[in-house]
């Protein structure tokens, strides 16, 4: 009878308690999720023009990309030029902004047309992306 109790006690003491380790792992997971900065991508590769006056825009909510072929992309999805204003207006809040990433080889006419469509749809904060000159 005594042997049976000692064997049961030994079996219980040999188990590893994983609760503290799981607590630490979940706390680390929450920490990394909270501190991660999410980078918005337009969905296509754009070669931006360079500018010495380029400055970051932290209030950007929507990225609109213009390709050299004349395609318009909104947050990774191709959009018809005539519908870009309606699409973006539904995605932007009152304090958010839109950044147009026009490729260096895209036409100025397409850039102006997209800017006009955004203004007609009620989007007030529109900026054109550029890379900072490295000299």
N, C-alpha and C. Protein backbone atom coordinates (compact mmCIF):
# COMPACT_ATOMS: atom_id res chain seq x y z
N UNK A 1 0.80 -1.19 0.00
CA UNK A 1 0.00 0.00 0.00
C UNK A 1 0.85 1.26 0.00
N UNK A 2 1.90 1.23 0.77
CA UNK A 2 2.80 2.37 0.80
C UNK A 2 3.49 2.59 -0.54
N UNK A 3 3.85 1.52 -1.16
CA UNK A 3 4.52 1.62 -2.46
C UNK A 3 3.63 2.28 -3.50
N UNK A 4 2.40 1.96 -3.46
CA UNK A 4 1.48 2.52 -4.43
C UNK A 4 1.37 4.04 -4.28
N UNK A 5 1.30 4.52 -3.09
CA UNK A 5 1.23 5.96 -2.85
C UNK A 5 2.51 6.66 -3.28
N UNK A 6 3.63 6.09 -3.04
CA UNK A 6 4.89 6.73 -3.42
C UNK A 6 5.06 6.74 -4.94
N UNK A 7 4.60 5.72 -5.61
CA UNK A 7 4.67 5.71 -7.07
C UNK A 7 3.74 6.76 -7.67
N UNK A 8 2.55 6.94 -7.10
CA UNK A 8 1.63 7.96 -7.57
C UNK A 8 2.18 9.35 -7.31
N UNK A 9 2.81 9.57 -6.18
CA UNK A 9 3.39 10.86 -5.84
C UNK A 9 4.55 11.17 -6.76
N UNK A 10 5.36 10.17 -7.09
CA UNK A 10 6.49 10.38 -8.02
C UNK A 10 5.99 10.72 -9.41
N UNK A 11 4.92 10.07 -9.85
CA UNK A 11 4.37 10.32 -11.18
C UNK A 11 3.82 11.74 -11.26
N UNK A 12 3.20 12.24 -10.21
CA UNK A 12 2.67 13.60 -10.20
C UNK A 12 3.79 14.62 -10.19
N UNK A 13 4.85 14.36 -9.50
CA UNK A 13 5.94 15.35 -9.41
C UNK A 13 6.80 15.37 -10.67
N UNK A 14 6.73 14.36 -11.51
CA UNK A 14 7.53 14.33 -12.73
C UNK A 14 6.89 15.09 -13.88
N UNK A 15 5.64 15.50 -13.76
CA UNK A 15 4.98 16.23 -14.82
C UNK A 15 5.47 17.68 -14.84
N UNK A 16 5.62 18.23 -16.03
CA UNK A 16 6.08 19.60 -16.18
C UNK A 16 4.86 20.51 -16.32
N UNK A 17 4.85 21.59 -15.56
CA UNK A 17 3.75 22.55 -15.62
C UNK A 17 4.06 23.56 -16.73
N UNK A 18 3.28 23.56 -17.80
CA UNK A 18 3.52 24.43 -18.95
C UNK A 18 2.81 25.77 -18.88
N UNK A 19 2.00 25.97 -17.87
CA UNK A 19 1.21 27.20 -17.78
C UNK A 19 2.08 28.45 -17.75
N UNK A 20 3.14 28.55 -16.93
CA UNK A 20 3.95 29.78 -16.95
C UNK A 20 4.62 30.03 -18.30
N UNK A 21 5.05 28.97 -18.97
CA UNK A 21 5.69 29.14 -20.27
C UNK A 21 4.67 29.65 -21.30
N UNK A 22 3.48 29.13 -21.29
CA UNK A 22 2.44 29.59 -22.21
C UNK A 22 2.07 31.04 -21.93
N UNK A 23 2.02 31.42 -20.68
CA UNK A 23 1.75 32.82 -20.33
C UNK A 23 2.79 33.75 -20.93
N UNK A 24 4.05 33.37 -20.80
CA UNK A 24 5.14 34.20 -21.35
C UNK A 24 5.04 34.28 -22.87
N UNK A 25 4.74 33.17 -23.52
CA UNK A 25 4.63 33.16 -24.98
C UNK A 25 3.48 34.05 -25.45
N UNK A 26 2.34 34.00 -24.77
CA UNK A 26 1.22 34.85 -25.15
C UNK A 26 1.51 36.32 -24.91
N UNK A 27 2.20 36.64 -23.84
CA UNK A 27 2.58 38.04 -23.58
C UNK A 27 3.53 38.54 -24.66
N UNK A 28 4.49 37.70 -25.06
CA UNK A 28 5.41 38.10 -26.12
C UNK A 28 4.66 38.28 -27.45
N UNK A 29 3.72 37.41 -27.73
CA UNK A 29 2.92 37.52 -28.95
C UNK A 29 2.14 38.83 -28.97
N UNK A 30 1.51 39.16 -27.87
CA UNK A 30 0.76 40.42 -27.79
C UNK A 30 1.71 41.60 -27.96
N UNK A 31 2.88 41.55 -27.35
CA UNK A 31 3.86 42.62 -27.48
C UNK A 31 4.25 42.83 -28.94
N UNK A 32 4.56 41.75 -29.65
CA UNK A 32 4.98 41.89 -31.04
C UNK A 32 3.85 42.36 -31.95
N UNK A 33 2.64 41.95 -31.68
CA UNK A 33 1.50 42.41 -32.48
C UNK A 33 1.28 43.90 -32.28
N UNK A 34 1.38 44.36 -31.05
CA UNK A 34 1.13 45.77 -30.75
C UNK A 34 2.23 46.66 -31.30
N UNK A 35 3.47 46.21 -31.26
CA UNK A 35 4.59 47.07 -31.68
C UNK A 35 4.91 46.97 -33.17
N UNK A 36 4.27 46.07 -33.89
CA UNK A 36 4.53 45.91 -35.32
C UNK A 36 3.93 47.07 -36.09
N UNK A 37 4.71 47.62 -37.00
CA UNK A 37 4.16 48.65 -37.89
C UNK A 37 3.85 47.98 -39.22
N UNK A 38 2.65 48.21 -39.69
CA UNK A 38 2.22 47.60 -40.93
C UNK A 38 2.47 48.57 -42.07
N UNK A 39 3.17 48.11 -43.08
CA UNK A 39 3.50 48.94 -44.23
C UNK A 39 2.46 48.69 -45.31
N UNK A 40 1.90 49.76 -45.80
CA UNK A 40 0.92 49.64 -46.87
C UNK A 40 1.64 49.56 -48.22
N UNK A 41 1.19 48.68 -49.02
CA UNK A 41 1.75 48.51 -50.36
C UNK A 41 0.66 48.75 -51.38
N UNK A 42 1.06 49.27 -52.53
CA UNK A 42 0.08 49.58 -53.56
C UNK A 42 -0.29 48.36 -54.40
N UNK A 43 0.52 47.34 -54.40
CA UNK A 43 0.20 46.13 -55.14
C UNK A 43 0.98 45.96 -56.43
N UNK A 44 1.62 47.00 -56.90
CA UNK A 44 2.44 46.93 -58.10
C UNK A 44 3.77 47.62 -57.83
N UNK A 45 4.78 47.25 -58.59
CA UNK A 45 6.10 47.85 -58.43
C UNK A 45 6.14 49.18 -59.17
N UNK A 46 6.43 50.24 -58.44
CA UNK A 46 6.44 51.59 -58.99
C UNK A 46 7.83 52.19 -58.82
N UNK A 47 8.34 52.80 -59.87
CA UNK A 47 9.59 53.55 -59.79
C UNK A 47 9.23 55.03 -59.62
N UNK A 48 9.35 55.51 -58.39
CA UNK A 48 8.93 56.88 -58.09
C UNK A 48 9.95 57.89 -58.59
N UNK A 49 9.47 59.06 -58.96
CA UNK A 49 10.40 60.14 -59.29
C UNK A 49 11.09 60.64 -58.03
N UNK A 50 12.24 61.29 -58.18
CA UNK A 50 12.98 61.78 -57.02
C UNK A 50 12.69 63.25 -56.79
N UNK A 51 12.73 63.65 -55.51
CA UNK A 51 12.50 65.03 -55.13
C UNK A 51 13.29 65.33 -53.87
N UNK A 52 13.86 66.53 -53.80
CA UNK A 52 14.59 66.92 -52.60
C UNK A 52 13.63 67.36 -51.50
N UNK A 53 12.40 67.66 -51.83
CA UNK A 53 11.42 68.14 -50.85
C UNK A 53 10.46 67.04 -50.40
N UNK A 54 10.76 65.79 -50.69
CA UNK A 54 9.88 64.69 -50.30
C UNK A 54 9.86 64.54 -48.79
N UNK A 55 8.66 64.37 -48.23
CA UNK A 55 8.53 64.18 -46.79
C UNK A 55 7.52 63.07 -46.52
N UNK A 56 7.67 62.34 -45.42
CA UNK A 56 6.75 61.24 -45.13
C UNK A 56 5.36 61.74 -44.75
N UNK A 57 4.33 60.93 -45.09
CA UNK A 57 2.94 61.25 -44.77
C UNK A 57 2.39 60.15 -43.87
N UNK A 58 2.35 60.36 -42.55
CA UNK A 58 1.87 59.31 -41.65
C UNK A 58 0.36 59.11 -41.68
N UNK A 59 -0.39 60.06 -42.22
CA UNK A 59 -1.85 59.97 -42.21
C UNK A 59 -2.42 59.27 -43.43
N UNK A 60 -1.58 58.59 -44.19
CA UNK A 60 -2.02 57.93 -45.42
C UNK A 60 -2.90 56.73 -45.09
N UNK A 61 -4.07 56.69 -45.70
CA UNK A 61 -4.97 55.56 -45.53
C UNK A 61 -5.06 54.70 -46.79
N UNK A 62 -4.96 55.32 -47.95
CA UNK A 62 -5.14 54.60 -49.21
C UNK A 62 -3.99 54.95 -50.15
N UNK A 63 -3.45 53.93 -50.82
CA UNK A 63 -2.43 54.14 -51.84
C UNK A 63 -3.03 53.86 -53.21
N UNK A 64 -2.83 54.79 -54.12
CA UNK A 64 -3.27 54.64 -55.50
C UNK A 64 -2.01 54.60 -56.35
N UNK A 65 -1.84 53.55 -57.15
CA UNK A 65 -0.65 53.40 -57.98
C UNK A 65 -1.01 53.56 -59.44
N UNK A 66 -0.15 54.26 -60.17
CA UNK A 66 -0.31 54.44 -61.62
C UNK A 66 0.87 53.79 -62.30
N UNK A 67 0.62 52.82 -63.16
CA UNK A 67 1.69 52.11 -63.85
C UNK A 67 2.04 52.81 -65.16
N UNK A 68 3.20 52.48 -65.73
CA UNK A 68 3.57 53.07 -67.03
C UNK A 68 2.60 52.70 -68.15
N UNK A 69 1.90 51.57 -68.00
CA UNK A 69 0.96 51.13 -69.03
C UNK A 69 -0.38 51.85 -68.93
N UNK A 70 -0.58 52.66 -67.89
CA UNK A 70 -1.83 53.40 -67.74
C UNK A 70 -2.85 52.73 -66.84
N UNK A 71 -2.45 51.68 -66.14
CA UNK A 71 -3.36 51.00 -65.21
C UNK A 71 -3.38 51.73 -63.87
N UNK A 72 -4.54 51.69 -63.23
CA UNK A 72 -4.70 52.32 -61.91
C UNK A 72 -4.98 51.20 -60.90
N UNK A 73 -4.22 51.20 -59.81
CA UNK A 73 -4.36 50.20 -58.76
C UNK A 73 -4.68 50.90 -57.45
N UNK A 74 -5.66 50.37 -56.72
CA UNK A 74 -6.03 50.92 -55.41
C UNK A 74 -5.88 49.80 -54.38
N UNK A 75 -4.95 49.97 -53.46
CA UNK A 75 -4.67 48.99 -52.41
C UNK A 75 -4.53 47.57 -52.96
N UNK A 76 -3.80 47.42 -54.04
CA UNK A 76 -3.50 46.11 -54.59
C UNK A 76 -4.50 45.55 -55.56
N UNK A 77 -5.54 46.30 -55.89
CA UNK A 77 -6.56 45.83 -56.83
C UNK A 77 -6.67 46.78 -58.02
N UNK A 78 -6.72 46.25 -59.25
CA UNK A 78 -6.89 47.13 -60.41
C UNK A 78 -8.28 47.77 -60.41
N UNK A 79 -8.32 49.05 -60.78
CA UNK A 79 -9.57 49.81 -60.78
C UNK A 79 -9.65 50.59 -62.08
N UNK A 80 -10.86 50.72 -62.61
CA UNK A 80 -11.09 51.53 -63.79
C UNK A 80 -10.85 53.00 -63.43
N UNK A 81 -10.26 53.76 -64.33
CA UNK A 81 -9.94 55.16 -64.08
C UNK A 81 -11.18 55.97 -63.74
N UNK A 82 -12.30 55.66 -64.36
CA UNK A 82 -13.53 56.42 -64.14
C UNK A 82 -14.15 56.13 -62.77
N UNK A 83 -13.80 55.01 -62.16
CA UNK A 83 -14.39 54.63 -60.88
C UNK A 83 -13.44 54.82 -59.69
N UNK A 84 -12.25 55.32 -59.93
CA UNK A 84 -11.27 55.44 -58.85
C UNK A 84 -11.73 56.40 -57.76
N UNK A 85 -12.41 57.46 -58.11
CA UNK A 85 -12.88 58.42 -57.11
C UNK A 85 -13.89 57.82 -56.17
N UNK A 86 -14.86 57.09 -56.71
CA UNK A 86 -15.89 56.46 -55.88
C UNK A 86 -15.29 55.39 -54.98
N UNK A 87 -14.37 54.61 -55.53
CA UNK A 87 -13.75 53.52 -54.77
C UNK A 87 -12.95 54.07 -53.59
N UNK A 88 -12.14 55.09 -53.85
CA UNK A 88 -11.26 55.64 -52.81
C UNK A 88 -12.07 56.43 -51.79
N UNK A 89 -13.09 57.16 -52.22
CA UNK A 89 -13.89 57.96 -51.29
C UNK A 89 -14.55 57.09 -50.23
N UNK A 90 -14.91 55.88 -50.58
CA UNK A 90 -15.50 54.97 -49.61
C UNK A 90 -14.50 54.38 -48.64
N UNK A 91 -13.21 54.47 -48.96
CA UNK A 91 -12.18 53.89 -48.12
C UNK A 91 -11.51 54.90 -47.19
N UNK A 92 -11.69 56.18 -47.44
CA UNK A 92 -10.97 57.22 -46.69
C UNK A 92 -11.89 57.85 -45.66
N UNK A 93 -11.37 58.04 -44.45
CA UNK A 93 -12.13 58.75 -43.42
C UNK A 93 -11.86 60.25 -43.55
N UNK A 94 -12.48 61.05 -42.69
CA UNK A 94 -12.35 62.50 -42.77
C UNK A 94 -10.93 62.99 -42.54
N UNK A 95 -10.19 62.35 -41.65
CA UNK A 95 -8.84 62.83 -41.33
C UNK A 95 -7.74 62.07 -42.07
N UNK A 96 -8.10 61.14 -42.93
CA UNK A 96 -7.11 60.35 -43.66
C UNK A 96 -6.76 60.98 -44.99
N UNK A 97 -5.70 60.49 -45.59
CA UNK A 97 -5.26 61.02 -46.86
C UNK A 97 -5.00 59.92 -47.88
N UNK A 98 -4.82 60.35 -49.11
CA UNK A 98 -4.54 59.46 -50.23
C UNK A 98 -3.20 59.84 -50.81
N UNK A 99 -2.37 58.84 -51.08
CA UNK A 99 -1.10 59.08 -51.75
C UNK A 99 -1.13 58.38 -53.09
N UNK A 100 -0.84 59.14 -54.14
CA UNK A 100 -0.78 58.60 -55.50
C UNK A 100 0.67 58.28 -55.80
N UNK A 101 0.95 57.01 -56.10
CA UNK A 101 2.29 56.58 -56.46
C UNK A 101 2.34 56.44 -57.97
N UNK A 102 2.73 57.51 -58.63
CA UNK A 102 2.80 57.50 -60.09
C UNK A 102 4.19 57.06 -60.52
N UNK A 103 4.26 56.09 -61.41
CA UNK A 103 5.55 55.65 -61.93
C UNK A 103 6.20 56.78 -62.72
N UNK A 104 7.52 56.76 -62.72
CA UNK A 104 8.28 57.79 -63.44
C UNK A 104 7.89 57.84 -64.91
N UNK A 105 7.52 56.70 -65.49
CA UNK A 105 7.18 56.63 -66.92
C UNK A 105 5.68 56.73 -67.21
N UNK A 106 4.85 56.92 -66.18
CA UNK A 106 3.42 57.07 -66.43
C UNK A 106 3.14 58.48 -66.96
N UNK A 107 1.99 58.65 -67.60
CA UNK A 107 1.69 59.94 -68.22
C UNK A 107 1.16 60.93 -67.19
N UNK A 108 1.48 62.18 -67.41
CA UNK A 108 0.99 63.24 -66.54
C UNK A 108 -0.52 63.39 -66.66
N UNK A 109 -1.04 63.15 -67.86
CA UNK A 109 -2.48 63.24 -68.06
C UNK A 109 -3.25 62.27 -67.19
N UNK A 110 -2.74 61.05 -67.03
CA UNK A 110 -3.39 60.06 -66.18
C UNK A 110 -3.33 60.51 -64.72
N UNK A 111 -2.20 61.04 -64.30
CA UNK A 111 -2.06 61.54 -62.93
C UNK A 111 -3.07 62.65 -62.64
N UNK A 112 -3.20 63.60 -63.56
CA UNK A 112 -4.13 64.71 -63.38
C UNK A 112 -5.57 64.20 -63.38
N UNK A 113 -5.88 63.25 -64.25
CA UNK A 113 -7.24 62.71 -64.31
C UNK A 113 -7.61 62.01 -63.00
N UNK A 114 -6.68 61.22 -62.46
CA UNK A 114 -6.94 60.52 -61.19
C UNK A 114 -7.10 61.53 -60.06
N UNK A 115 -6.27 62.57 -60.03
CA UNK A 115 -6.39 63.60 -59.00
C UNK A 115 -7.75 64.32 -59.10
N UNK A 116 -8.17 64.61 -60.33
CA UNK A 116 -9.48 65.25 -60.53
C UNK A 116 -10.62 64.36 -60.05
N UNK A 117 -10.55 63.07 -60.37
CA UNK A 117 -11.60 62.14 -59.95
C UNK A 117 -11.67 62.05 -58.42
N UNK A 118 -10.51 62.08 -57.78
CA UNK A 118 -10.49 62.03 -56.31
C UNK A 118 -11.08 63.30 -55.71
N UNK A 119 -10.74 64.46 -56.27
CA UNK A 119 -11.29 65.73 -55.77
C UNK A 119 -12.79 65.80 -55.99
N UNK A 120 -13.27 65.32 -57.14
CA UNK A 120 -14.71 65.32 -57.42
C UNK A 120 -15.46 64.40 -56.46
N UNK A 121 -14.80 63.34 -55.99
CA UNK A 121 -15.43 62.40 -55.06
C UNK A 121 -15.39 62.89 -53.62
N UNK A 122 -14.74 64.04 -53.39
CA UNK A 122 -14.72 64.62 -52.05
C UNK A 122 -13.49 64.31 -51.23
N UNK A 123 -12.46 63.73 -51.84
CA UNK A 123 -11.22 63.46 -51.13
C UNK A 123 -10.39 64.73 -51.11
N UNK A 124 -10.11 65.26 -49.91
CA UNK A 124 -9.43 66.54 -49.79
C UNK A 124 -7.91 66.43 -49.75
N UNK A 125 -7.39 65.43 -49.04
CA UNK A 125 -5.95 65.31 -48.85
C UNK A 125 -5.37 64.32 -49.85
N UNK A 126 -4.81 64.84 -50.92
CA UNK A 126 -4.21 64.02 -51.97
C UNK A 126 -2.75 64.45 -52.12
N UNK A 127 -1.84 63.49 -52.12
CA UNK A 127 -0.42 63.79 -52.30
C UNK A 127 0.15 62.85 -53.36
N UNK A 128 1.25 63.25 -53.96
CA UNK A 128 1.93 62.44 -54.95
C UNK A 128 3.24 61.96 -54.33
N UNK A 129 3.50 60.65 -54.38
CA UNK A 129 4.68 60.06 -53.75
C UNK A 129 5.92 60.34 -54.60
N UNK A 130 7.03 60.53 -53.89
CA UNK A 130 8.32 60.70 -54.53
C UNK A 130 9.39 60.12 -53.62
N UNK A 131 10.50 59.72 -54.21
CA UNK A 131 11.64 59.24 -53.42
C UNK A 131 12.53 60.43 -53.10
N UNK A 132 13.15 60.40 -51.94
CA UNK A 132 14.07 61.46 -51.56
C UNK A 132 15.36 61.32 -52.36
N UNK A 133 15.83 62.47 -52.90
CA UNK A 133 17.06 62.46 -53.69
C UNK A 133 18.23 62.07 -52.82
N UNK A 134 19.12 61.26 -53.37
CA UNK A 134 20.35 60.90 -52.66
C UNK A 134 21.51 61.56 -53.40
N UNK A 135 22.10 62.58 -52.77
CA UNK A 135 23.21 63.25 -53.44
C UNK A 135 24.44 63.23 -52.61
